[in-house]
Protein backbone atom coordinates (compact mmCIF):
# COMPACT_ATOMS: atom_id res chain seq x y z
CA MET A 1 15.70 11.29 -26.14
CA GLU A 2 16.38 7.80 -24.76
CA ASN A 3 15.84 6.22 -28.19
CA LEU A 4 18.34 8.65 -29.73
CA ARG A 5 20.87 7.86 -27.01
CA GLU A 6 20.48 4.11 -27.53
CA ASN A 7 20.90 4.51 -31.29
CA LEU A 8 24.07 6.53 -30.75
CA LYS A 9 25.35 3.97 -28.26
CA THR A 10 24.78 1.18 -30.80
CA ALA A 11 26.60 3.16 -33.52
CA ILE A 12 29.62 3.61 -31.24
CA LYS A 13 29.66 -0.12 -30.51
CA ASN A 14 29.38 -1.03 -34.21
CA LEU A 15 32.05 1.41 -35.41
CA TYR A 16 34.59 1.31 -32.59
CA ASN A 17 33.66 -1.76 -30.52
CA LEU A 18 33.33 0.44 -27.44
CA ASP A 19 30.73 0.28 -24.67
CA PHE A 20 30.27 3.99 -24.19
CA GLU A 21 27.48 5.97 -22.50
CA PRO A 22 26.75 9.01 -24.70
CA GLU A 23 25.16 12.20 -23.41
CA LEU A 24 22.47 14.23 -25.16
CA THR A 25 21.30 17.72 -24.32
CA VAL A 26 18.68 20.06 -25.73
CA ALA A 27 20.24 21.82 -28.74
CA PRO A 28 21.01 25.56 -28.49
CA ASP A 29 18.45 27.91 -30.02
CA ASN A 30 20.83 28.99 -32.78
CA ILE A 31 21.08 25.45 -34.18
CA ASP A 32 18.34 23.94 -36.30
CA ALA A 33 18.19 20.78 -34.21
CA ASP A 34 16.34 19.30 -31.26
CA TYR A 35 19.20 17.61 -29.41
CA SER A 36 22.99 17.67 -29.52
CA SER A 37 25.76 15.37 -28.32
CA ASN A 38 29.42 16.11 -27.60
CA THR A 39 30.27 12.40 -27.77
CA PRO A 40 32.86 12.82 -30.59
CA LEU A 41 34.79 15.29 -28.41
CA ARG A 42 34.77 12.83 -25.52
CA LEU A 43 35.89 9.95 -27.76
CA ALA A 44 38.65 11.83 -29.59
CA LYS A 45 41.44 11.16 -27.10
CA ASP A 46 40.81 7.41 -26.82
CA LEU A 47 40.34 6.95 -30.57
CA HIS A 48 43.22 9.27 -31.52
CA LYS A 49 41.00 10.92 -34.13
CA ASN A 50 39.77 14.38 -34.98
CA PRO A 51 36.36 14.99 -33.28
CA LEU A 52 34.81 16.18 -36.55
CA GLU A 53 35.91 12.96 -38.26
CA ILE A 54 34.31 10.89 -35.49
CA ALA A 55 31.14 12.99 -35.72
CA GLU A 56 30.90 12.40 -39.48
CA GLU A 57 31.40 8.65 -39.05
CA LEU A 58 28.76 8.36 -36.37
CA SER A 59 26.32 10.65 -38.19
CA GLY A 60 26.57 8.33 -41.19
CA GLN A 61 25.15 5.55 -39.01
CA LEU A 62 22.19 7.62 -37.78
CA LYS A 63 19.03 9.15 -39.23
CA ASP A 64 18.08 12.82 -39.15
CA THR A 65 21.46 14.08 -37.90
CA PHE A 66 24.06 16.63 -38.99
CA VAL A 67 27.50 17.62 -37.73
CA SER A 68 28.78 20.95 -36.42
CA ALA A 69 32.18 22.15 -35.21
CA PRO A 70 34.19 21.36 -33.24
CA GLY A 71 32.64 17.89 -33.00
CA PHE A 72 28.93 17.82 -32.24
CA ILE A 73 26.27 15.48 -33.57
CA ASN A 74 22.90 17.22 -33.87
CA PHE A 75 19.60 15.36 -33.94
CA ARG A 76 16.28 16.34 -35.45
CA ILE A 77 13.03 14.65 -34.41
CA SER A 78 10.57 14.21 -37.24
CA ASP A 79 7.02 15.55 -36.98
CA ASP A 80 5.68 12.10 -37.78
CA TYR A 81 7.53 10.64 -34.80
CA LEU A 82 6.34 13.39 -32.46
CA ARG A 83 2.72 13.14 -33.59
CA SER A 84 2.55 9.35 -33.52
CA THR A 85 4.09 9.20 -30.04
CA ILE A 86 1.76 11.87 -28.68
CA SER A 87 -1.19 10.07 -30.28
CA SER A 88 -0.19 6.81 -28.58
CA LEU A 89 0.20 8.49 -25.20
CA ALA A 90 -3.17 10.20 -25.58
CA LYS A 91 -4.81 6.81 -26.10
CA ASP A 92 -2.81 5.00 -23.44
CA PHE A 93 -0.75 7.08 -21.02
CA ASN A 94 1.63 4.33 -20.04
CA VAL A 95 4.52 5.85 -18.14
CA SER A 96 6.11 3.22 -15.94
CA SER A 97 9.35 1.71 -14.75
CA SER A 98 10.41 -1.69 -13.41
CA LYS A 99 13.85 -0.54 -12.27
CA PHE A 100 13.18 -1.60 -8.67
CA LYS A 101 10.57 -4.29 -9.28
CA ASN A 102 10.53 -6.98 -6.56
CA GLN A 103 12.76 -4.85 -4.33
CA THR A 104 11.86 -3.72 -0.83
CA ILE A 105 12.93 -0.24 0.21
CA VAL A 106 12.58 1.14 3.71
CA CYS A 107 12.39 4.92 3.65
CA GLU A 108 12.75 6.44 7.11
CA PHE A 109 11.89 10.10 7.52
CA SER A 110 10.27 12.76 9.69
CA ASP A 111 11.46 11.09 12.94
CA PRO A 112 9.92 13.45 15.53
CA ASN A 113 10.59 12.84 19.20
CA PRO A 114 7.65 12.47 21.57
CA PHE A 115 7.66 15.15 24.28
CA LYS A 116 8.68 17.73 21.68
CA VAL A 117 6.67 19.74 19.15
CA LEU A 118 6.91 19.20 15.39
CA HIS A 119 8.87 22.02 13.78
CA VAL A 120 9.22 23.15 10.16
CA GLY A 121 12.11 20.71 9.62
CA HIS A 122 9.78 17.80 10.35
CA LEU A 123 7.34 19.15 7.78
CA TYR A 124 10.14 19.47 5.24
CA THR A 125 11.48 15.95 5.70
CA SER A 126 7.95 14.51 5.75
CA VAL A 127 7.15 16.08 2.38
CA VAL A 128 10.49 15.14 0.80
CA GLY A 129 10.52 11.63 2.27
CA ASP A 130 7.03 10.89 1.02
CA SER A 131 7.94 12.09 -2.48
CA ILE A 132 11.10 9.97 -2.60
CA SER A 133 8.98 7.01 -1.49
CA ARG A 134 6.55 7.72 -4.33
CA LEU A 135 9.41 7.90 -6.83
CA TYR A 136 10.51 4.40 -5.83
CA GLU A 137 6.95 3.13 -5.97
CA TYR A 138 6.72 4.47 -9.51
CA ALA A 139 9.86 2.42 -10.25
CA GLY A 140 8.15 -0.76 -9.04
CA ALA A 141 9.52 -1.04 -5.50
CA LYS A 142 7.61 -2.04 -2.39
CA VAL A 143 8.24 0.93 -0.10
CA ILE A 144 7.92 0.86 3.67
CA ARG A 145 7.58 4.35 5.13
CA ALA A 146 9.19 4.23 8.55
CA ASN A 147 9.23 6.74 11.39
CA PHE A 148 11.74 6.64 14.24
CA GLY A 149 11.36 8.70 17.40
CA GLY A 150 12.83 9.05 20.86
CA ASP A 151 10.22 8.03 23.39
CA VAL A 152 13.09 7.66 25.89
CA GLY A 153 16.24 9.70 26.19
CA LEU A 154 17.63 12.87 27.69
CA HIS A 155 15.11 15.12 25.94
CA VAL A 156 12.30 13.21 27.68
CA ALA A 157 14.02 13.54 31.05
CA LYS A 158 14.44 17.31 30.55
CA THR A 159 10.74 17.65 29.77
CA MET A 160 9.62 15.36 32.60
CA TYR A 161 11.80 17.23 35.12
CA ILE A 162 9.68 20.36 34.62
CA LEU A 163 6.41 18.51 34.02
CA LYS A 164 6.50 16.68 37.34
CA GLN A 165 7.03 19.99 39.12
CA LYS A 166 4.02 21.58 37.43
CA ASN A 167 1.97 18.39 37.03
CA PRO A 168 -0.77 20.05 34.93
CA THR A 169 -4.18 18.43 35.26
CA ASP A 170 -5.12 18.96 31.62
CA LEU A 171 -1.85 18.25 29.78
CA THR A 172 -1.49 19.64 26.26
CA ILE A 173 1.22 19.37 23.61
CA GLU A 174 1.95 23.07 24.19
CA ASP A 175 2.64 22.33 27.87
CA ILE A 176 5.09 19.67 26.79
CA ALA A 177 6.84 22.05 24.36
CA ARG A 178 7.29 24.72 27.04
CA CYS A 179 8.57 22.19 29.58
CA TYR A 180 11.19 20.92 27.13
CA VAL A 181 12.55 24.44 26.62
CA GLU A 182 12.63 25.08 30.38
CA GLY A 183 14.18 21.70 31.10
CA THR A 184 16.92 22.28 28.53
CA ALA A 185 17.75 25.63 30.09
CA VAL A 186 18.11 24.29 33.65
CA TYR A 187 20.08 21.26 32.43
CA GLU A 188 22.64 23.61 30.90
CA ASP A 189 22.74 26.17 33.72
CA ASP A 190 22.10 24.28 36.99
CA GLU A 191 24.44 21.45 38.02
CA ALA A 192 22.03 20.11 40.63
CA ALA A 193 19.20 20.04 38.09
CA LYS A 194 21.50 18.38 35.59
CA ALA A 195 22.31 15.59 38.04
CA GLU A 196 18.61 15.07 38.79
CA ILE A 197 17.70 15.01 35.10
CA THR A 198 20.47 12.46 34.47
CA ALA A 199 19.05 10.22 37.19
CA LEU A 200 15.54 10.82 35.86
CA ASN A 201 16.66 9.67 32.42
CA LYS A 202 17.64 6.27 33.84
CA GLU A 203 14.40 6.00 35.81
CA ILE A 204 12.28 6.78 32.71
CA TYR A 205 14.23 4.20 30.75
CA GLN A 206 13.24 1.58 33.37
CA ILE A 207 9.60 2.72 33.39
CA ASN A 208 9.45 2.17 29.64
CA ALA A 209 11.49 -1.02 29.54
CA GLU A 210 9.48 -2.69 32.30
CA SER A 211 6.16 -1.11 31.23
CA ILE A 212 5.57 0.39 34.67
CA HIS A 213 2.31 2.34 34.79
CA GLU A 214 1.88 2.96 38.50
CA GLY A 215 3.25 6.01 40.23
CA GLU A 216 3.15 9.73 39.51
CA LEU A 217 6.16 9.77 37.17
CA ALA A 218 5.03 6.71 35.23
CA GLU A 219 1.48 8.03 34.78
CA LEU A 220 2.78 11.40 33.60
CA TYR A 221 5.24 9.73 31.23
CA TRP A 222 2.68 7.47 29.52
CA LYS A 223 0.17 10.30 29.30
CA GLY A 224 2.71 12.57 27.59
CA ARG A 225 3.82 9.79 25.25
CA GLU A 226 0.26 9.00 24.20
CA LEU A 227 -0.53 12.68 23.67
CA SER A 228 2.58 13.09 21.52
CA TYR A 229 1.77 10.21 19.19
CA ALA A 230 -1.84 11.35 18.77
CA TYR A 231 -0.53 14.82 17.89
CA PHE A 232 1.82 13.34 15.29
CA GLN A 233 -0.91 11.25 13.69
CA ASP A 234 -3.21 14.25 13.41
CA PHE A 235 -0.54 16.34 11.73
CA TYR A 236 0.43 13.64 9.22
CA ALA A 237 -3.22 13.25 8.27
CA LYS A 238 -3.37 16.99 7.53
CA ILE A 239 -0.48 16.80 5.06
CA GLY A 240 -1.53 13.48 3.48
CA VAL A 241 1.46 11.42 4.61
CA LYS A 242 1.03 7.90 5.98
CA PHE A 243 3.58 5.71 7.73
CA ASP A 244 3.67 1.92 7.61
CA LYS A 245 5.84 1.46 10.68
CA TYR A 246 6.64 3.47 13.79
CA TYR A 247 9.82 2.60 15.67
CA PRO A 248 9.89 4.17 19.13
CA GLU A 249 13.49 4.19 20.34
CA SER A 250 12.56 2.05 23.31
CA THR A 251 11.62 -0.83 21.01
CA VAL A 252 15.10 -1.06 19.47
CA ALA A 253 17.26 -0.05 22.44
CA ASN A 254 17.74 -3.58 23.80
CA LEU A 255 18.69 -4.94 20.39
CA GLY A 256 21.19 -2.11 20.04
CA LEU A 257 22.60 -2.87 23.50
CA THR A 258 23.00 -6.53 22.61
CA LYS A 259 24.85 -5.70 19.38
CA VAL A 260 27.12 -3.09 20.94
CA LYS A 261 28.01 -5.29 23.94
CA ALA A 262 28.75 -8.25 21.65
CA GLU A 263 31.05 -6.13 19.50
CA LEU A 264 32.63 -4.54 22.57
CA ALA A 265 34.02 -7.97 23.41
CA LYS A 266 35.45 -8.16 19.87
CA GLY A 267 37.14 -4.77 20.06
CA VAL A 268 34.86 -2.74 17.78
CA TYR A 269 33.77 -0.58 20.72
CA GLU A 270 35.91 0.43 23.70
CA ILE A 271 35.56 1.30 27.39
CA SER A 272 36.50 4.89 28.17
CA ASP A 273 35.98 6.52 31.57
CA GLY A 274 33.23 4.03 32.42
CA ALA A 275 31.32 4.51 29.13
CA VAL A 276 31.27 2.47 25.93
CA ILE A 277 32.54 4.44 22.94
CA PHE A 278 33.39 4.00 19.28
CA ASN A 279 36.75 5.54 18.47
CA GLY A 280 35.90 7.36 15.26
CA GLU A 281 39.31 9.05 15.10
CA LYS A 282 40.70 5.81 13.68
CA TYR A 283 38.55 6.46 10.59
CA GLY A 284 38.89 10.22 10.32
CA LEU A 285 35.64 10.77 12.25
CA HIS A 286 34.91 11.79 15.82
CA THR A 287 34.42 9.57 18.86
CA ARG A 288 30.94 9.06 20.29
CA VAL A 289 29.47 7.42 23.39
CA PHE A 290 27.18 4.44 22.74
CA ILE A 291 26.47 3.41 26.36
CA ASN A 292 26.85 6.02 29.09
CA ARG A 293 28.35 5.53 32.55
CA GLU A 294 24.96 4.68 34.01
CA GLY A 295 24.64 1.82 31.54
CA VAL A 296 21.91 3.60 29.55
CA PRO A 297 22.06 3.29 25.73
CA THR A 298 22.52 6.59 23.90
CA TYR A 299 20.92 7.64 20.61
CA GLU A 300 23.82 5.95 18.82
CA THR A 301 23.06 2.51 20.23
CA LYS A 302 19.36 2.92 19.47
CA ASP A 303 20.24 3.72 15.86
CA VAL A 304 22.34 0.56 15.77
CA GLY A 305 19.34 -1.42 16.99
CA LEU A 306 17.10 0.29 14.43
CA ILE A 307 19.32 -0.75 11.51
CA PHE A 308 19.15 -4.41 12.53
CA GLN A 309 15.45 -4.29 13.45
CA LYS A 310 14.47 -2.80 10.09
CA TYR A 311 16.36 -5.56 8.32
CA ALA A 312 14.82 -8.24 10.54
CA ASP A 313 11.35 -6.87 9.79
CA TYR A 314 11.67 -6.35 6.03
CA HIS A 315 14.94 -7.82 4.67
CA PHE A 316 15.27 -4.61 2.69
CA ASP A 317 17.23 -4.25 -0.52
CA LYS A 318 17.79 -0.60 0.28
CA SER A 319 17.35 1.54 3.38
CA ILE A 320 17.05 5.32 3.06
CA VAL A 321 17.39 7.55 6.11
CA ILE A 322 16.52 11.23 5.76
CA THR A 323 17.58 13.69 8.45
CA GLY A 324 18.68 17.27 8.88
CA SER A 325 22.24 18.09 7.86
CA GLU A 326 23.24 18.49 11.51
CA GLN A 327 23.03 14.69 11.78
CA LEU A 328 25.54 14.06 8.99
CA GLU A 329 28.67 13.52 11.09
CA TYR A 330 26.70 11.68 13.75
CA MET A 331 25.37 9.15 11.22
CA LYS A 332 28.81 8.70 9.71
CA VAL A 333 30.06 7.47 13.10
CA VAL A 334 27.06 5.18 13.67
CA LEU A 335 27.32 3.64 10.21
CA LYS A 336 31.10 3.30 10.39
CA SER A 337 30.79 1.39 13.66
CA VAL A 338 28.18 -0.98 12.21
CA GLU A 339 30.27 -1.38 9.06
CA GLN A 340 32.88 -3.20 11.15
CA TYR A 341 30.53 -6.14 11.74
CA ALA A 342 27.64 -5.78 9.29
CA LYS A 343 29.17 -4.36 6.13
CA ASP A 344 26.35 -5.52 3.86
CA LEU A 345 23.70 -3.63 5.85
CA VAL A 346 25.66 -0.40 5.71
CA ALA A 347 26.23 -0.86 1.97
CA LYS A 348 22.44 -1.02 1.54
CA THR A 349 21.91 2.16 3.56
CA SER A 350 21.78 5.69 2.13
CA HIS A 351 21.77 8.68 4.46
CA LEU A 352 20.28 11.82 2.88
CA THR A 353 20.35 15.18 4.59
CA HIS A 354 18.53 18.46 4.16
CA GLY A 355 19.43 21.93 5.34
CA LEU A 356 17.54 24.37 7.52
CA VAL A 357 14.27 25.99 6.54
CA LYS A 358 14.44 29.73 7.11
CA LEU A 359 11.98 32.57 6.76
CA PRO A 360 12.86 35.67 4.72
CA GLY A 361 15.28 37.75 6.76
CA ASN A 362 17.44 34.76 7.69
CA VAL A 363 16.11 34.51 11.25
CA LYS A 364 17.85 31.69 13.12
CA MET A 365 15.47 29.36 14.95
CA SER A 366 16.09 26.75 17.65
CA SER A 367 13.76 24.24 19.30
CA ARG A 368 16.07 24.28 22.33
CA LYS A 369 15.46 27.99 22.82
CA GLY A 370 11.77 27.80 21.93
CA ASN A 371 11.91 30.31 19.08
CA PHE A 372 11.43 27.78 16.30
CA LEU A 373 8.80 27.74 13.57
CA LYS A 374 6.26 25.04 14.32
CA ALA A 375 5.03 22.79 11.50
CA VAL A 376 1.40 23.77 12.09
CA ASP A 377 2.41 27.44 11.94
CA VAL A 378 3.62 26.90 8.37
CA LEU A 379 0.28 25.44 7.30
CA ASP A 380 -1.56 28.32 9.00
CA MET A 381 0.67 30.90 7.30
CA ILE A 382 -0.06 29.45 3.87
CA ASP A 383 -3.80 29.30 4.61
CA THR A 384 -3.72 32.96 5.64
CA GLU A 385 -1.79 34.08 2.56
CA LEU A 386 -4.14 32.16 0.26
CA LYS A 387 -7.17 33.66 1.96
CA ASN A 388 -5.77 37.20 1.74
CA ALA A 389 -4.64 36.91 -1.89
CA TYR A 390 -7.54 34.99 -3.44
CA ASN A 391 -10.20 34.67 -0.75
CA SER A 392 -9.66 30.91 -1.02
CA THR A 393 -9.85 28.35 1.79
CA ASP A 394 -9.18 25.36 -0.47
CA LYS A 395 -6.92 23.00 1.51
CA THR A 396 -5.88 21.21 -1.69
CA ILE A 397 -4.36 24.44 -3.02
CA SER A 398 -2.74 25.48 0.26
CA LEU A 399 -1.19 22.02 0.71
CA ALA A 400 0.12 22.11 -2.87
CA ALA A 401 1.64 25.53 -2.18
CA THR A 402 3.32 24.22 0.97
CA LYS A 403 4.69 20.99 -0.49
CA TYR A 404 5.92 22.50 -3.73
CA ALA A 405 7.67 25.31 -1.84
CA PHE A 406 9.94 22.63 -0.33
CA LEU A 407 10.13 20.14 -3.18
CA LYS A 408 11.36 22.57 -5.83
CA TYR A 409 14.68 22.92 -4.00
CA LYS A 410 17.55 20.48 -4.30
CA MET A 411 17.89 18.67 -1.02
CA GLY A 412 21.03 19.43 0.96
CA GLY A 413 21.29 23.19 1.32
CA ASN A 414 19.26 25.64 3.40
CA ILE A 415 16.08 26.99 1.86
CA ILE A 416 14.15 30.20 2.32
CA PHE A 417 10.45 29.57 2.82
CA ASP A 418 8.46 32.61 1.69
CA PRO A 419 4.69 32.16 2.28
CA LYS A 420 3.74 35.05 -0.03
CA GLU A 421 5.75 33.64 -2.94
CA SER A 422 4.44 30.13 -2.29
CA VAL A 423 0.80 31.00 -3.04
CA LYS A 424 1.35 33.06 -6.18
CA MET A 425 -0.55 31.92 -9.28
CA THR A 426 2.43 32.97 -11.41
CA GLY A 427 6.02 31.86 -11.20
CA ASN A 428 7.52 28.67 -9.81
CA SER A 429 4.81 27.76 -7.30
CA GLY A 430 2.39 24.95 -6.54
CA PRO A 431 -0.72 27.04 -7.30
CA TYR A 432 0.70 27.95 -10.72
CA LEU A 433 1.07 24.27 -11.61
CA LEU A 434 -2.44 23.54 -10.36
CA TYR A 435 -3.91 26.47 -12.31
CA SER A 436 -2.22 25.27 -15.50
CA SER A 437 -3.51 21.73 -14.94
CA VAL A 438 -7.08 22.86 -14.25
CA ARG A 439 -6.95 24.99 -17.39
CA ALA A 440 -6.00 21.89 -19.41
CA LYS A 441 -8.84 19.94 -17.80
CA LYS A 442 -11.34 22.62 -18.86
CA ILE A 443 -10.03 22.59 -22.43
CA LEU A 444 -10.57 18.84 -22.58
CA ALA A 445 -14.09 19.19 -21.20
CA ASN A 446 -14.96 21.75 -23.91
CA SER A 447 -13.32 19.97 -26.86
CA THR A 448 -15.50 17.63 -28.89
CA ASN A 449 -13.54 17.62 -32.16
CA THR A 450 -11.01 14.75 -32.02
CA GLN A 451 -10.69 14.18 -35.79
CA GLU A 452 -7.10 13.54 -36.89
CA ILE A 453 -5.44 15.44 -39.73
CA ASN A 454 -3.30 13.09 -41.79
CA THR A 455 -0.89 15.69 -43.17
CA TYR A 456 -0.75 17.95 -40.11
CA ILE A 457 2.60 19.55 -39.27
CA TYR A 458 3.20 20.92 -35.76
CA ASN A 459 3.88 24.63 -35.42
CA ILE A 460 6.72 25.75 -33.13
CA TYR A 461 4.54 25.90 -29.98
CA GLU A 462 3.03 22.48 -30.57
CA ARG A 463 6.42 21.02 -31.38
CA ASN A 464 8.09 22.44 -28.26
CA LEU A 465 5.30 21.15 -26.04
CA ALA A 466 5.45 17.70 -27.65
CA LYS A 467 9.23 17.49 -27.22
CA LYS A 468 8.98 18.45 -23.56
CA LEU A 469 6.28 15.85 -22.96
CA LEU A 470 8.42 13.14 -24.55
CA GLY A 471 11.18 13.83 -22.06
CA TYR A 472 9.01 13.03 -19.04
CA GLN A 473 9.80 9.36 -18.51
CA GLU A 474 13.55 9.86 -18.88
CA LEU A 475 13.37 12.71 -16.37
CA LEU A 476 11.45 10.50 -13.94
CA ASP A 477 14.04 7.74 -14.20
CA GLU A 478 16.76 10.30 -13.53
CA ALA A 479 14.88 11.60 -10.47
CA VAL A 480 14.58 8.05 -9.13
CA ALA A 481 18.26 7.26 -9.69
CA GLU A 482 19.32 10.45 -7.90
CA MET A 483 16.53 10.43 -5.26
CA ALA A 484 15.80 13.97 -6.43
CA PRO A 485 12.16 15.15 -6.27
CA HIS A 486 13.34 18.67 -7.13
CA LYS A 487 14.16 17.51 -10.65
CA LEU A 488 10.59 16.37 -11.16
CA ALA A 489 9.19 19.55 -9.58
CA ASN A 490 11.20 21.82 -11.84
CA PHE A 491 10.45 19.72 -14.93
CA LEU A 492 6.73 20.15 -14.25
CA TYR A 493 7.24 23.90 -13.89
CA GLU A 494 9.08 24.08 -17.22
CA LEU A 495 6.40 21.91 -18.80
CA SER A 496 3.68 24.25 -17.49
CA GLN A 497 5.52 27.21 -19.00
CA GLU A 498 5.66 25.41 -22.35
CA PHE A 499 1.94 24.66 -22.10
CA SER A 500 1.24 28.32 -21.32
CA ARG A 501 3.02 29.39 -24.52
CA PHE A 502 1.04 26.77 -26.44
CA TYR A 503 -2.24 27.95 -24.89
CA GLU A 504 -1.57 31.60 -25.73
CA ASN A 505 -0.78 30.86 -29.38
CA CYS A 506 -2.85 27.79 -30.30
CA GLN A 507 -6.64 27.72 -30.10
CA VAL A 508 -7.97 24.25 -29.30
CA ALA A 509 -11.74 24.13 -28.79
CA GLY A 510 -13.58 25.23 -31.92
CA SER A 511 -10.51 25.29 -34.14
CA ALA A 512 -9.90 23.26 -37.30
CA GLU A 513 -6.77 21.85 -35.62
CA ALA A 514 -8.61 20.77 -32.47
CA GLY A 515 -8.31 17.05 -33.29
CA GLU A 516 -4.51 17.24 -33.14
CA ARG A 517 -4.18 19.82 -30.40
CA VAL A 518 -6.54 18.12 -27.97
CA LYS A 519 -4.18 15.13 -27.94
CA LEU A 520 -1.36 17.39 -26.80
CA VAL A 521 -3.58 18.79 -24.05
CA GLN A 522 -4.61 15.27 -23.00
CA VAL A 523 -1.01 14.11 -22.68
CA TYR A 524 -0.08 17.33 -20.89
CA TYR A 525 -2.84 16.86 -18.32
CA SER A 526 -1.98 13.18 -17.82
CA THR A 527 1.68 14.07 -17.34
CA MET A 528 0.91 16.80 -14.81
CA ASN A 529 -1.49 14.56 -12.91
CA HIS A 530 1.05 11.74 -12.82
CA GLY A 531 3.97 13.97 -11.81
CA LEU A 532 2.10 15.98 -9.20
CA ASN A 533 0.85 12.76 -7.63
CA ILE A 534 4.48 11.66 -7.16
CA LEU A 535 5.05 14.97 -5.39
CA GLY A 536 2.06 14.21 -3.16
CA ILE A 537 -0.03 16.98 -4.75
CA LYS A 538 -3.62 16.64 -5.97
CA ILE A 539 -5.22 18.65 -8.76
CA PRO A 540 -8.46 20.33 -7.60
CA GLU A 541 -11.63 20.31 -9.65
CA GLU A 542 -11.68 24.08 -10.00
CA MET A 543 -9.58 27.15 -9.23
């Protein structure tokens, strides 16, 4: 399709001396064409011409086109072009992009806090963040996967307040999770406890900043911190996601303090009731505290430090931060404050958000109340469903089911995660894509006839599959530009459906047409393998 678009763009330039970006779409079923463009309709006002007249003029500059009312140009792709392109891809599957070559992109995602348990939202952002990173790597970028977490802060103090009362001898991550829930409850309901937790927050900040390891509180703090990071690493290994850089909040807090205090003197930040704030109301946002009355930096100041530290470490061309949608307004304030003194860094930063992950029945979950869905629970649920449905314990399949269940949705809104639907071998699911890919692999293993047929003409199923395959690279480039893994996921699903129709109607192994059809299967398998890899999904040997 890209070649057709470029040809149309050149024709517009030659005829009307306009630099115009035309659009092409798949032609409707009732038109004997492969693609259509409404460009004449879009040009009519500027050119002061009838759309049909423009369509006729442009069609005269192009091959294999015809015009239809009220002003469409319709394109046909020749069989020779389809076959020759498929043949080339079968010999050398070269799908690549240099769009971001020599650029460094820092992609920050997952961001769990030590002293809390990973929930389903962390799983979601880990899967999506890794796939966006892979999209940019496909486009030639050097991608740094970064992970930012609060090893100091009020959530730690809430947890430690309960932990030091119980002081368990054999501390587990489950103990930590329960203590956080209990600590949050007393902080909200007990003024005396709230005051003690506030003081504890400052004390823990000093323990971390000065690397104090002696004393009951310090020993308990470092033990919990170490246990948390080991727990994170184990989980990321299970889902096949690796991080290049971990940024504990404590490592960027001082840099954030330095920046905020320097800009306080210049009037960017203000003193209010003993705290340092940024007055977001001036910019249509809300006001937030950056340094509290005790002189302790808040999350906001740590995020300021993180922005500058990431740039100091990598001199990034682009920084992507992926969080839940509840952080949207918060990040607007942080970035708006930094924009006042580091506009270029903010211009290079993109904040992406995702909605909540919910189970069927729309049950509301909260880590504060302790009724949330843990990340490991999701993996266990998928394993159980796969075992019950197919008696399978293949982790490759269960991980594909899990990742695809998230990646097929456009990021931004809430999603319903249905474990039973996720493992189905039919429909829009990870296992369906894997089954289709394994089927193609078996066809290739059983096909020995690769003789070409010089005068071969594709039937409708072969032609439709070939056209879909030829749209892969353009789709990938679109997914990169929009940071949209869901577009790739749904393209692969549509491609698998097209392959299924081909498989049902076109014999490959043992047929006289095998030499031509095996090339289609080869390109299909290569495309699925390439695309699924970008989604972080592996194709198993068998299913």
